[in-house]
Amino acid sequence: MFSIIQAAGWPIWPLIACSVIGLALIIERFISLKTAKIIPPKLLDEAIMVSRNGVPSPDVVKQLEQNSTLGGVLASGFRALNANPRASEEDLRASLESAGRQAAAQLQRYLGALATIASAAPLLGLLGTVIGMIEIFGSQGGNGGMGTVPGGGNPEQLAHGISIALYNTAFGLIVAIPALIFWRYFRGRVDGYLLTMEISADRFARHLHHLRK
């Protein structure tokens, strides 16, 4: 493997860097986008149950905020109601929507970088191939052409050089395809989380409206 990397030349090193960064981003997103950390299944019902008789204490609100991403959105509704006990339903929804936008930005973190790697890796591979081909054909230039007369280039060397140059394209695709697959997967997962959070926030806003003093 090292001999292939060494033979492919310097253009393959940016691809190796992309592969390492892409793998790190995929692992980070897998850890960060667990359902328990984003939307615990019974959290909304528990928040509604705790606040049936009024807004809970600040300690409970803080614990809710630290529970998960959805908990932070729900906690913003409690804080808005504490700040203004006569807040309208529109004000409560605005507070929840603001917290939801911040949560969406957090969920989508690093997905742009992963998409960039998926788009750039094939181009980097193609660049490496083109550079390799230029160097190969340049090295084949001789007084008599490519092996036609003594002093010319070596066709076997040319064929070997072409195969080495194509390693860049192959490695670029090897990096790009998994990055694209995981980007689509994480993007779908985030969209599902955001939809669930939007529905939960709408239900919670109606609940908070009934708690107004």
Protein backbone atom coordinates (compact mmCIF):
# COMPACT_ATOMS: atom_id res chain seq x y z
CA MET A 1 0.00 0.00 0.00
CA PHE A 2 2.79 2.40 0.89
CA SER A 3 4.54 1.61 -2.38
CA ILE A 4 1.38 2.51 -4.31
CA ILE A 5 1.04 5.78 -2.40
CA GLN A 6 4.69 6.53 -2.99
CA ALA A 7 4.41 5.75 -6.69
CA ALA A 8 1.26 7.83 -7.12
CA GLY A 9 3.19 10.97 -6.23
CA TRP A 10 2.40 14.06 -4.19
CA PRO A 11 -1.16 14.59 -5.55
CA ILE A 12 -2.36 11.62 -3.52
CA TRP A 13 -1.44 13.23 -0.19
CA PRO A 14 -4.36 15.71 -0.24
CA LEU A 15 -6.62 12.70 -0.85
CA ILE A 16 -5.14 10.92 2.15
CA ALA A 17 -5.78 14.04 4.24
CA CYS A 18 -9.39 14.12 2.97
CA SER A 19 -9.85 10.46 3.87
CA VAL A 20 -8.59 10.99 7.43
CA ILE A 21 -10.73 14.10 7.93
CA GLY A 22 -13.77 12.41 6.39
CA LEU A 23 -13.41 9.37 8.64
CA ALA A 24 -13.09 11.60 11.70
CA LEU A 25 -16.23 13.55 10.71
CA ILE A 26 -18.21 10.36 10.12
CA ILE A 27 -17.27 8.96 13.55
CA GLU A 28 -18.05 12.31 15.22
CA ARG A 29 -21.47 12.55 13.58
CA PHE A 30 -22.33 8.96 14.49
CA ILE A 31 -21.60 9.77 18.13
CA SER A 32 -23.29 13.19 18.15
CA LEU A 33 -26.44 12.20 16.26
CA LYS A 34 -27.57 9.41 18.56
CA THR A 35 -31.29 9.54 19.23
CA ALA A 36 -30.77 9.62 23.01
CA LYS A 37 -28.70 12.80 22.66
CA ILE A 38 -31.10 14.55 20.27
CA ILE A 39 -34.69 13.46 20.89
CA PRO A 40 -35.25 11.05 23.80
CA PRO A 41 -38.53 9.25 23.08
CA LYS A 42 -40.49 10.27 26.21
CA LEU A 43 -38.91 13.64 26.96
CA LEU A 44 -41.78 15.78 25.64
CA ASP A 45 -44.40 13.86 27.63
CA GLU A 46 -42.25 14.12 30.76
CA ALA A 47 -41.80 17.88 30.30
CA ILE A 48 -45.54 18.35 29.91
CA MET A 49 -46.28 16.18 32.93
CA VAL A 50 -43.80 18.03 35.14
CA SER A 51 -45.30 21.39 34.19
CA ARG A 52 -48.98 20.56 34.47
CA ASN A 53 -49.35 22.73 37.56
CA GLY A 54 -47.00 25.49 36.44
CA VAL A 55 -43.52 26.23 35.22
CA PRO A 56 -40.98 24.03 37.05
CA SER A 57 -38.11 25.38 39.12
CA PRO A 58 -34.95 26.75 37.48
CA ASP A 59 -33.01 23.64 38.52
CA VAL A 60 -35.47 21.42 36.66
CA VAL A 61 -35.33 23.69 33.62
CA LYS A 62 -31.54 23.59 33.63
CA GLN A 63 -31.58 19.80 33.93
CA LEU A 64 -33.99 19.65 31.01
CA GLU A 65 -31.71 21.87 28.92
CA GLN A 66 -28.72 19.63 29.57
CA ASN A 67 -30.68 16.47 28.83
CA SER A 68 -30.63 16.67 25.02
CA THR A 69 -31.03 18.95 22.03
CA LEU A 70 -34.82 18.76 22.26
CA GLY A 71 -34.54 19.46 25.98
CA GLY A 72 -32.73 22.72 25.21
CA VAL A 73 -35.56 23.77 22.90
CA LEU A 74 -38.22 22.97 25.49
CA ALA A 75 -36.25 24.74 28.21
CA SER A 76 -36.24 27.91 26.10
CA GLY A 77 -40.05 27.85 26.22
CA PHE A 78 -40.04 27.60 30.00
CA ARG A 79 -37.61 30.51 30.24
CA ALA A 80 -39.71 32.64 27.90
CA LEU A 81 -42.76 32.01 30.06
CA ASN A 82 -40.81 32.80 33.24
CA ALA A 83 -39.56 36.05 31.73
CA ASN A 84 -43.06 37.07 30.65
CA PRO A 85 -45.89 35.17 32.36
CA ARG A 86 -48.42 36.83 30.03
CA ALA A 87 -46.55 36.01 26.84
CA SER A 88 -48.76 35.31 23.87
CA GLU A 89 -48.68 32.02 22.02
CA GLU A 90 -46.89 33.77 19.14
CA ASP A 91 -44.14 34.94 21.51
CA LEU A 92 -43.75 31.45 22.90
CA ARG A 93 -43.56 29.99 19.42
CA ALA A 94 -40.97 32.59 18.43
CA SER A 95 -38.80 31.60 21.39
CA LEU A 96 -39.08 27.93 20.53
CA GLU A 97 -38.35 28.61 16.86
CA SER A 98 -35.25 30.59 17.75
CA ALA A 99 -33.96 27.74 19.90
CA GLY A 100 -34.89 25.32 17.12
CA ARG A 101 -32.79 27.22 14.60
CA GLN A 102 -29.80 27.03 16.92
CA ALA A 103 -30.41 23.31 17.38
CA ALA A 104 -30.63 22.84 13.60
CA ALA A 105 -27.27 24.55 13.14
CA GLN A 106 -25.78 22.24 15.75
CA LEU A 107 -27.23 19.14 14.09
CA GLN A 108 -25.96 20.18 10.66
CA ARG A 109 -22.45 20.92 11.92
CA TYR A 110 -19.68 19.34 9.81
CA LEU A 111 -22.13 18.06 7.18
CA GLY A 112 -20.97 20.81 4.82
CA ALA A 113 -17.36 19.70 5.27
CA LEU A 114 -18.33 16.09 4.54
CA ALA A 115 -20.19 17.18 1.40
CA THR A 116 -17.14 19.18 0.30
CA ILE A 117 -14.92 16.12 0.67
CA ALA A 118 -17.39 14.04 -1.36
CA SER A 119 -17.32 16.65 -4.14
CA ALA A 120 -13.61 17.49 -4.07
CA ALA A 121 -12.10 14.00 -3.76
CA PRO A 122 -12.87 12.91 -7.37
CA LEU A 123 -11.50 16.21 -8.68
CA LEU A 124 -8.33 15.79 -6.63
CA GLY A 125 -7.98 12.27 -8.01
CA LEU A 126 -8.43 13.55 -11.54
CA LEU A 127 -5.90 16.30 -10.92
CA GLY A 128 -3.38 13.72 -9.73
CA THR A 129 -4.00 11.60 -12.81
CA VAL A 130 -3.56 14.54 -15.17
CA ILE A 131 -0.35 15.61 -13.45
CA GLY A 132 0.92 12.05 -13.58
CA MET A 133 0.09 11.73 -17.28
CA ILE A 134 1.86 14.98 -18.03
CA GLU A 135 4.96 13.78 -16.24
CA ILE A 136 4.79 10.38 -17.94
CA PHE A 137 4.46 11.73 -21.46
CA GLY A 138 7.14 14.28 -20.73
CA SER A 139 9.51 11.54 -19.62
CA GLN A 140 8.74 9.53 -22.77
CA GLY A 141 9.88 12.30 -25.07
CA GLY A 142 13.06 11.24 -26.81
CA ASN A 143 14.90 11.96 -29.98
CA GLY A 144 13.25 9.06 -31.68
CA GLY A 145 9.84 9.07 -30.06
CA MET A 146 8.32 6.46 -27.74
CA GLY A 147 10.47 3.43 -28.26
CA THR A 148 10.44 3.53 -32.07
CA VAL A 149 14.21 3.89 -32.29
CA PRO A 150 17.06 3.59 -29.84
CA GLY A 151 17.01 6.50 -27.47
CA GLY A 152 13.25 6.77 -27.51
CA GLY A 153 10.88 6.13 -24.63
CA ASN A 154 9.97 2.75 -23.20
CA PRO A 155 6.38 1.60 -23.92
CA GLU A 156 6.43 -0.67 -20.86
CA GLN A 157 7.44 2.26 -18.71
CA LEU A 158 4.64 4.28 -20.25
CA ALA A 159 2.03 1.60 -19.50
CA HIS A 160 3.30 1.24 -15.95
CA GLY A 161 3.25 5.00 -15.47
CA ILE A 162 -0.32 5.25 -16.71
CA SER A 163 -1.45 2.55 -14.28
CA ILE A 164 0.26 4.39 -11.43
CA ALA A 165 -1.35 7.68 -12.45
CA LEU A 166 -4.79 6.07 -12.42
CA TYR A 167 -4.32 5.17 -8.77
CA ASN A 168 -5.10 8.81 -8.04
CA THR A 169 -8.49 8.58 -9.73
CA ALA A 170 -9.27 5.28 -8.01
CA PHE A 171 -8.28 6.62 -4.59
CA GLY A 172 -10.32 9.76 -5.19
CA LEU A 173 -13.41 7.64 -5.84
CA ILE A 174 -12.67 5.44 -2.83
CA VAL A 175 -12.70 8.56 -0.66
CA ALA A 176 -15.65 10.28 -2.35
CA ILE A 177 -18.17 7.42 -2.49
CA PRO A 178 -18.31 6.67 1.28
CA ALA A 179 -18.27 10.39 2.06
CA LEU A 180 -21.26 10.92 -0.22
CA ILE A 181 -23.15 7.94 1.19
CA PHE A 182 -22.66 9.02 4.79
CA TRP A 183 -23.46 12.65 3.98
CA ARG A 184 -26.80 11.57 2.51
CA TYR A 185 -27.43 9.31 5.49
CA PHE A 186 -26.67 11.98 8.08
CA ARG A 187 -28.63 14.56 6.13
CA GLY A 188 -31.71 12.34 6.14
CA ARG A 189 -31.26 11.64 9.83
CA VAL A 190 -30.99 15.34 10.64
CA ASP A 191 -34.08 16.13 8.55
CA GLY A 192 -36.01 13.50 10.50
CA TYR A 193 -34.86 14.95 13.81
CA LEU A 194 -35.80 18.47 12.75
CA LEU A 195 -39.28 17.37 11.71
CA THR A 196 -39.83 15.64 15.05
CA MET A 197 -38.55 18.68 16.92
CA GLU A 198 -40.86 20.97 14.96
CA ILE A 199 -43.90 18.84 15.80
CA SER A 200 -42.83 18.62 19.45
CA ALA A 201 -42.27 22.38 19.69
CA ASP A 202 -45.71 23.06 18.23
CA ARG A 203 -47.36 20.80 20.79
CA PHE A 204 -45.28 22.28 23.60
CA ALA A 205 -46.17 25.84 22.59
CA ARG A 206 -49.87 25.04 22.96
CA HIS A 207 -49.16 23.51 26.36
CA LEU A 208 -47.24 26.59 27.51
CA HIS A 209 -50.09 28.81 26.31
CA HIS A 210 -52.39 27.11 28.82
CA LEU A 211 -49.89 27.75 31.65
CA ARG A 212 -49.96 31.52 31.27
CA LYS A 213 -50.86 33.43 34.44
